[in-house]
């Protein structure tokens, strides 16, 4: 069974404070966010692991259980709650009401070690190991009854059943006829809806109405949302599950989007390309003045810092990359053609294909 050390995932020691955990989570989530690592499956896996680690370590109760029990803390927590309820009805599985008070656990990540410490006869000790490992513990009485209840509370088989394990320690129904079995509630089904937006709406943020199970819900789409961004609405799906709204951004006629950066072409006249000048360029923020140097070639790219899209759930904006596209005059008049020939006769231009021959 693969074990994942949540502390290692966030890069903090086991003695880290809650503030340290919060800071490490924000840094790791920003570094591995899918929006910053397009098409990187490994980054997406690390992002999910970071979120899972933070969900446990940021909760003091969950963290305490995780520190004691390691990977299986959730299973034991559910089993403890089930056995605790049975103990309340019949006197409890142990004097303190903790069904695990008689056992100590190895360090997270290694094999779990069980060590019997509570007062009780060897028969109950043997019963637990027989139920869990399918045999008896060394030195225990082999004639013990598997159905005995310690201190009038839940049997160890009840605890195993609440964990979804049968008498052999494997997942499945109990092998004892008539044994009660507590199962975890089935996960509530989730649902998906699609919201189509324009690039301008993605820049400023917008809202959309989606219809789910006959109900219309207004969804807020944050600024900077990109194509494929998933917005989660907890408990809004039919049956009480979560609704995921997937953003689809329509293609823009001017801009090409690459994350928070944008690209576009700007057409230049022959005069602007040859002699230089200032041209107005439209950006999502508005029009800006771009200085074109003399002798600008078609395809030259200019970078306008901070003129791109707002970063999704982060500060700042991306950049806008403007590519020059020189337009050559056509349908020259006889006088214009003669003037062009005189101009070109005065201009020395090496053969651009000379290296190909």
Protein backbone atom coordinates (compact mmCIF):
# COMPACT_ATOMS: atom_id res chain seq x y z
CA UNK A 1 0.00 0.00 0.00
CA UNK A 2 1.56 3.30 -1.10
CA UNK A 3 1.93 5.85 1.69
CA UNK A 4 2.14 9.57 1.13
CA UNK A 5 3.79 11.71 3.77
CA UNK A 6 1.75 14.91 3.89
CA UNK A 7 4.56 16.77 5.64
CA UNK A 8 6.97 15.90 2.83
CA UNK A 9 4.39 16.91 0.22
CA UNK A 10 4.25 20.43 1.70
CA UNK A 11 7.96 20.45 2.53
CA UNK A 12 7.55 21.18 6.23
CA UNK A 13 8.77 19.35 9.36
CA UNK A 14 6.33 17.45 11.57
CA UNK A 15 6.75 20.19 14.18
CA UNK A 16 5.57 22.91 11.77
CA UNK A 17 3.08 25.46 13.07
CA UNK A 18 -0.28 26.07 11.40
CA UNK A 19 1.10 29.33 9.99
CA UNK A 20 4.05 27.44 8.46
CA UNK A 21 1.69 24.88 6.91
CA UNK A 22 -0.53 27.61 5.45
CA UNK A 23 2.47 29.41 3.96
CA UNK A 24 3.94 26.21 2.50
CA UNK A 25 0.57 25.23 1.00
CA UNK A 26 0.15 28.56 -0.77
CA UNK A 27 3.65 28.37 -2.23
CA UNK A 28 3.26 24.77 -3.43
CA UNK A 29 -0.25 25.31 -4.82
CA UNK A 30 0.96 28.33 -6.80
CA UNK A 31 3.94 26.41 -8.21
CA UNK A 32 1.95 23.32 -9.28
CA UNK A 33 -1.36 24.95 -10.31
CA UNK A 34 -2.62 23.48 -13.64
CA UNK A 35 -3.06 26.99 -15.03
CA UNK A 36 0.70 27.52 -14.68
CA UNK A 37 1.58 24.05 -16.04
CA UNK A 38 -0.60 23.50 -19.10
CA UNK A 39 -0.65 19.85 -20.19
CA UNK A 40 1.69 18.73 -17.40
CA UNK A 41 0.07 15.64 -15.88
CA UNK A 42 2.76 15.36 -13.19
CA UNK A 43 2.12 18.95 -12.06
CA UNK A 44 -1.61 18.21 -11.87
CA UNK A 45 -0.87 15.12 -9.72
CA UNK A 46 1.35 17.18 -7.40
CA UNK A 47 -1.32 19.90 -7.18
CA UNK A 48 -3.90 17.34 -6.03
CA UNK A 49 -1.45 15.91 -3.50
CA UNK A 50 -0.74 19.38 -2.11
CA UNK A 51 -4.46 20.06 -1.65
CA UNK A 52 -4.99 16.69 0.02
CA UNK A 53 -2.08 17.28 2.42
CA UNK A 54 -3.34 20.75 3.34
CA UNK A 55 -6.88 19.49 3.97
CA UNK A 56 -5.52 17.18 6.67
CA UNK A 57 -2.67 19.16 8.21
CA UNK A 58 -4.60 22.46 8.38
CA UNK A 59 -7.28 20.81 10.54
CA UNK A 60 -5.94 20.30 14.11
CA UNK A 61 -8.19 17.29 14.80
CA UNK A 62 -7.39 15.55 11.51
CA UNK A 63 -3.71 16.34 11.93
CA UNK A 64 -3.68 14.81 15.42
CA UNK A 65 -5.23 11.58 14.11
CA UNK A 66 -2.84 11.54 11.15
CA UNK A 67 0.18 11.98 13.43
CA UNK A 68 -1.00 9.00 15.53
CA UNK A 69 -2.28 6.65 12.86
CA UNK A 70 -0.62 7.67 9.62
CA UNK A 71 -2.21 6.79 6.31
CA UNK A 72 -5.21 4.93 7.73
CA UNK A 73 -6.31 7.69 10.09
CA UNK A 74 -9.63 8.19 8.28
CA UNK A 75 -10.56 4.50 8.45
CA UNK A 76 -9.75 4.33 12.15
CA UNK A 77 -11.60 7.57 12.81
CA UNK A 78 -14.74 6.15 11.21
CA UNK A 79 -14.30 2.87 13.06
CA UNK A 80 -13.79 4.70 16.34
CA UNK A 81 -17.00 6.65 15.85
CA UNK A 82 -18.97 3.48 15.08
CA UNK A 83 -17.50 1.50 17.99
CA UNK A 84 -17.95 4.48 20.30
CA UNK A 85 -21.65 4.53 19.49
CA UNK A 86 -21.89 0.79 20.23
CA UNK A 87 -20.00 1.30 23.50
CA UNK A 88 -22.43 4.01 24.56
CA UNK A 89 -25.25 1.49 24.24
CA UNK A 90 -23.49 -1.42 25.94
CA UNK A 91 -20.92 0.00 28.31
CA UNK A 92 -18.06 0.83 25.88
CA UNK A 93 -15.28 -1.17 24.35
CA UNK A 94 -12.81 0.18 26.90
CA UNK A 95 -13.02 2.04 30.20
CA UNK A 96 -12.23 5.34 28.47
CA UNK A 97 -14.60 4.77 25.55
CA UNK A 98 -11.73 4.70 23.01
CA UNK A 99 -11.85 1.45 21.01
CA UNK A 100 -8.15 1.90 20.16
CA UNK A 101 -6.91 2.64 23.68
CA UNK A 102 -5.38 -0.83 23.86
CA UNK A 103 -3.23 -0.46 20.79
CA UNK A 104 -0.25 1.64 19.76
CA UNK A 105 0.62 2.38 16.19
CA UNK A 106 3.90 2.55 14.34
CA UNK A 107 5.20 5.72 12.76
CA UNK A 108 3.26 6.83 9.68
CA UNK A 109 4.56 5.35 6.50
CA UNK A 110 5.72 2.04 8.00
CA UNK A 111 3.80 -1.07 8.90
CA UNK A 112 1.17 -0.55 11.58
CA UNK A 113 2.23 -2.10 14.90
CA UNK A 114 -0.43 -3.30 17.36
CA UNK A 115 0.49 -3.67 21.00
CA UNK A 116 -2.10 -4.83 23.57
CA UNK A 117 -1.96 -2.79 26.75
CA UNK A 118 -5.43 -2.55 28.32
CA UNK A 119 -6.59 -4.75 31.16
CA UNK A 120 -8.50 -7.77 29.83
CA UNK A 121 -8.14 -11.48 29.46
CA UNK A 122 -5.98 -13.15 26.87
CA UNK A 123 -9.09 -14.48 25.18
CA UNK A 124 -10.13 -11.06 23.90
CA UNK A 125 -6.55 -10.43 22.79
CA UNK A 126 -6.62 -13.64 20.77
CA UNK A 127 -10.07 -12.83 19.41
CA UNK A 128 -8.92 -9.55 17.92
CA UNK A 129 -5.88 -11.05 16.23
CA UNK A 130 -7.89 -13.97 14.97
CA UNK A 131 -10.43 -11.60 13.49
CA UNK A 132 -7.86 -9.26 12.01
CA UNK A 133 -5.17 -11.68 10.81
CA UNK A 134 -7.22 -14.87 10.45
CA UNK A 135 -5.28 -16.66 13.22
CA UNK A 136 -4.34 -16.44 16.89
CA UNK A 137 -1.66 -14.39 18.54
CA UNK A 138 1.39 -16.17 19.89
CA UNK A 139 0.82 -17.32 23.44
CA UNK A 140 -2.95 -16.58 23.38
CA UNK A 141 -5.65 -19.11 24.13
CA UNK A 142 -6.76 -20.86 20.96
CA UNK A 143 -10.16 -21.81 22.28
CA UNK A 144 -11.47 -18.23 22.66
CA UNK A 145 -14.89 -17.39 21.34
CA UNK A 146 -14.81 -14.84 18.51
CA UNK A 147 -18.18 -13.42 19.50
CA UNK A 148 -17.27 -12.24 23.03
CA UNK A 149 -17.75 -8.57 23.82
CA UNK A 150 -15.10 -6.81 25.90
CA UNK A 151 -16.68 -4.97 28.83
CA UNK A 152 -20.15 -5.52 27.36
CA UNK A 153 -19.48 -3.20 24.38
CA UNK A 154 -18.68 -3.74 20.72
CA UNK A 155 -16.70 -6.79 19.67
CA UNK A 156 -13.53 -6.36 17.67
CA UNK A 157 -15.39 -7.95 14.75
CA UNK A 158 -17.83 -5.02 14.95
CA UNK A 159 -14.88 -2.65 14.68
CA UNK A 160 -13.54 -4.53 11.67
CA UNK A 161 -16.98 -4.62 10.07
CA UNK A 162 -17.29 -0.86 10.50
CA UNK A 163 -14.04 -0.58 8.55
CA UNK A 164 -15.47 -2.72 5.72
CA UNK A 165 -13.31 -5.74 6.63
CA UNK A 166 -14.39 -9.33 7.13
CA UNK A 167 -13.03 -11.74 9.71
CA UNK A 168 -9.95 -12.47 7.65
CA UNK A 169 -8.93 -8.82 7.52
CA UNK A 170 -10.00 -8.41 3.90
CA UNK A 171 -12.65 -6.08 2.55
CA UNK A 172 -16.06 -7.73 2.31
CA UNK A 173 -18.98 -8.97 4.36
CA UNK A 174 -18.49 -10.53 7.78
CA UNK A 175 -18.13 -14.31 7.78
CA UNK A 176 -20.14 -14.58 10.99
CA UNK A 177 -23.82 -15.18 10.14
CA UNK A 178 -26.04 -12.36 11.28
CA UNK A 179 -23.11 -10.05 12.10
CA UNK A 180 -23.89 -6.37 11.85
CA UNK A 181 -21.99 -4.40 9.26
CA UNK A 182 -21.58 -0.66 9.17
CA UNK A 183 -20.73 0.78 5.77
CA UNK A 184 -19.71 4.27 4.82
CA UNK A 185 -22.42 6.25 3.03
CA UNK A 186 -22.08 6.16 -0.75
CA UNK A 187 -20.55 9.26 -2.30
CA UNK A 188 -23.07 11.74 -3.57
CA UNK A 189 -23.03 12.03 -7.36
CA UNK A 190 -21.51 15.17 -8.85
CA UNK A 191 -22.68 16.97 -11.97
CA UNK A 192 -21.14 19.21 -14.61
CA UNK A 193 -22.34 22.24 -16.54
CA UNK A 194 -20.63 24.36 -19.22
CA UNK A 195 -20.42 28.16 -19.23
CA UNK A 196 -19.26 29.85 -22.45
CA UNK A 197 -17.64 33.28 -22.13
CA UNK A 198 -15.75 35.75 -24.30
CA UNK A 199 -12.19 36.91 -23.76
CA UNK A 200 -13.48 40.30 -22.60
CA UNK A 201 -15.67 38.58 -20.00
CA UNK A 202 -12.71 36.49 -18.91
CA UNK A 203 -10.72 39.70 -18.48
CA UNK A 204 -13.29 41.53 -16.34
CA UNK A 205 -15.15 38.59 -14.77
CA UNK A 206 -18.81 37.82 -15.36
CA UNK A 207 -21.79 35.71 -14.28
CA UNK A 208 -23.73 32.95 -16.01
CA UNK A 209 -27.04 31.21 -15.40
CA UNK A 210 -26.87 27.40 -15.57
CA UNK A 211 -29.86 25.09 -15.33
CA UNK A 212 -29.51 21.95 -13.22
CA UNK A 213 -32.38 19.58 -12.49
CA UNK A 214 -34.91 22.24 -13.45
CA UNK A 215 -33.30 24.89 -11.25
CA UNK A 216 -31.47 27.97 -12.53
CA UNK A 217 -28.31 28.91 -10.67
CA UNK A 218 -26.26 32.07 -11.07
CA UNK A 219 -22.55 31.29 -11.25
CA UNK A 220 -19.87 33.92 -10.68
CA UNK A 221 -16.92 33.46 -13.03
CA UNK A 222 -13.83 35.19 -11.61
CA UNK A 223 -11.61 37.43 -13.71
CA UNK A 224 -8.76 35.55 -15.31
CA UNK A 225 -10.74 32.31 -15.73
CA UNK A 226 -9.36 30.36 -18.67
CA UNK A 227 -10.71 27.74 -21.03
CA UNK A 228 -11.14 24.58 -18.94
CA UNK A 229 -11.30 26.33 -15.56
CA UNK A 230 -13.56 24.37 -13.17
CA UNK A 231 -15.72 26.24 -10.66
CA UNK A 232 -17.07 24.11 -7.82
CA UNK A 233 -20.50 24.72 -6.28
CA UNK A 234 -20.74 22.57 -3.17
CA UNK A 235 -23.98 20.64 -2.73
CA UNK A 236 -25.68 22.13 -5.82
CA UNK A 237 -25.87 18.95 -7.91
CA UNK A 238 -29.00 16.76 -7.89
CA UNK A 239 -28.85 14.47 -4.87
CA UNK A 240 -26.74 16.88 -2.84
CA UNK A 241 -23.44 16.35 -4.67
CA UNK A 242 -21.15 19.07 -6.00
CA UNK A 243 -21.74 20.92 -9.25
CA UNK A 244 -18.69 21.68 -11.39
CA UNK A 245 -19.07 24.50 -13.90
CA UNK A 246 -16.52 24.20 -16.72
CA UNK A 247 -15.53 27.44 -18.45
CA UNK A 248 -15.26 27.47 -22.23
CA UNK A 249 -13.75 30.64 -23.73
CA UNK A 250 -14.75 31.46 -27.29
CA UNK A 251 -12.00 32.24 -29.82
CA UNK A 252 -11.26 35.94 -30.10
CA UNK A 253 -10.83 37.65 -33.49
CA UNK A 254 -7.86 39.73 -32.36
CA UNK A 255 -6.08 38.02 -29.49
CA UNK A 256 -4.61 34.56 -29.03
CA UNK A 257 -4.50 33.56 -25.37
CA UNK A 258 -1.74 31.49 -23.77
CA UNK A 259 -2.52 31.35 -20.05
CA UNK A 260 -2.23 34.91 -18.75
CA UNK A 261 -0.29 36.09 -21.85
CA UNK A 262 -1.85 37.35 -25.08
CA UNK A 263 -0.58 37.56 -28.67
CA UNK A 264 -1.78 39.68 -31.56
CA UNK A 265 -0.61 41.11 -34.90
CA UNK A 266 -0.44 44.82 -35.72
CA UNK A 267 -0.42 45.84 -39.41
CA UNK A 268 2.15 48.45 -40.45
CA UNK A 269 2.36 50.56 -43.59
CA UNK A 270 5.52 50.49 -45.66
CA UNK A 271 6.26 54.04 -44.49
CA UNK A 272 5.91 53.08 -40.79
CA UNK A 273 8.14 50.06 -41.25
CA UNK A 274 10.81 51.95 -43.23
CA UNK A 275 10.91 55.25 -41.36
CA UNK A 276 9.41 54.31 -37.98
CA UNK A 277 6.63 56.05 -36.07
CA UNK A 278 4.04 55.73 -33.32
CA UNK A 279 0.99 53.50 -33.81
CA UNK A 280 -2.03 52.85 -31.59
CA UNK A 281 -2.51 49.26 -30.47
CA UNK A 282 -5.68 47.96 -28.84
CA UNK A 283 -5.26 45.90 -25.67
CA UNK A 284 -7.90 44.42 -23.33
CA UNK A 285 -7.29 47.43 -21.05
CA UNK A 286 -7.63 49.99 -23.85
CA UNK A 287 -5.48 51.61 -26.53
CA UNK A 288 -1.76 52.15 -25.99
CA UNK A 289 0.87 53.93 -28.12
CA UNK A 290 3.60 51.68 -29.53
CA UNK A 291 6.78 53.18 -30.97
CA UNK A 292 7.91 51.41 -34.14
CA UNK A 293 11.66 51.74 -34.84
CA UNK A 294 12.79 52.57 -38.38
CA UNK A 295 13.59 49.50 -40.43
CA UNK A 296 11.15 47.19 -38.62
CA UNK A 297 10.84 43.87 -40.39
CA UNK A 298 7.61 41.93 -40.73
CA UNK A 299 7.39 39.37 -37.91
CA UNK A 300 9.27 41.42 -35.32
CA UNK A 301 7.62 41.02 -31.91
CA UNK A 302 7.24 43.70 -29.25
CA UNK A 303 6.47 42.85 -25.63
CA UNK A 304 4.07 45.04 -23.67
CA UNK A 305 4.50 44.12 -20.00
CA UNK A 306 1.37 43.84 -17.88
CA UNK A 307 -1.00 44.30 -20.84
CA UNK A 308 -2.18 40.69 -20.87
CA UNK A 309 -4.90 38.87 -18.90
CA UNK A 310 -5.30 39.07 -15.13
CA UNK A 311 -3.81 36.03 -13.43
CA UNK A 312 -6.49 33.65 -12.16
CA UNK A 313 -6.78 33.88 -8.36
CA UNK A 314 -3.43 35.66 -8.19
CA UNK A 315 -2.04 39.17 -8.38
CA UNK A 316 -0.84 40.90 -11.51
CA UNK A 317 -1.35 40.50 -15.25
CA UNK A 318 0.37 38.63 -18.03
CA UNK A 319 2.06 40.30 -21.01
CA UNK A 320 0.88 41.21 -24.51
CA UNK A 321 3.13 40.21 -27.42
CA UNK A 322 2.60 42.33 -30.55
CA UNK A 323 3.88 40.97 -33.88
CA UNK A 324 4.52 43.42 -36.73
CA UNK A 325 2.93 42.68 -40.10
CA UNK A 326 4.24 44.96 -42.88
CA UNK A 327 1.73 45.56 -45.69
CA UNK A 328 3.25 46.32 -49.13
CA UNK A 329 1.34 48.76 -51.39
CA UNK A 330 -0.32 47.18 -54.42
CA UNK A 331 -1.75 48.51 -57.72
CA UNK A 332 0.98 51.15 -58.15
CA UNK A 333 0.33 53.93 -60.65
CA UNK A 334 2.94 54.45 -63.39
CA UNK A 335 4.33 57.47 -61.52
CA UNK A 336 4.46 55.56 -58.23
CA UNK A 337 6.20 52.63 -59.91
CA UNK A 338 8.78 54.95 -61.48
CA UNK A 339 9.37 56.62 -58.12
CA UNK A 340 9.79 53.23 -56.47
CA UNK A 341 12.34 52.21 -59.05
CA UNK A 342 14.33 55.41 -58.47
CA UNK A 343 14.17 54.87 -54.72
CA UNK A 344 15.31 51.26 -54.96
CA UNK A 345 18.14 52.26 -57.29
CA UNK A 346 19.41 54.52 -54.54
CA UNK A 347 19.01 51.86 -51.85
CA UNK A 348 21.55 49.11 -51.38
CA UNK A 349 19.94 45.88 -50.17
CA UNK A 350 21.96 42.63 -50.15
CA UNK A 351 20.38 39.57 -51.67
CA UNK A 352 18.55 37.87 -48.72
CA UNK A 353 18.83 34.50 -50.52
CA UNK A 354 22.55 34.68 -51.18
CA UNK A 355 23.38 32.11 -48.49
CA UNK A 356 21.07 29.55 -50.08
CA UNK A 357 23.16 29.30 -53.23
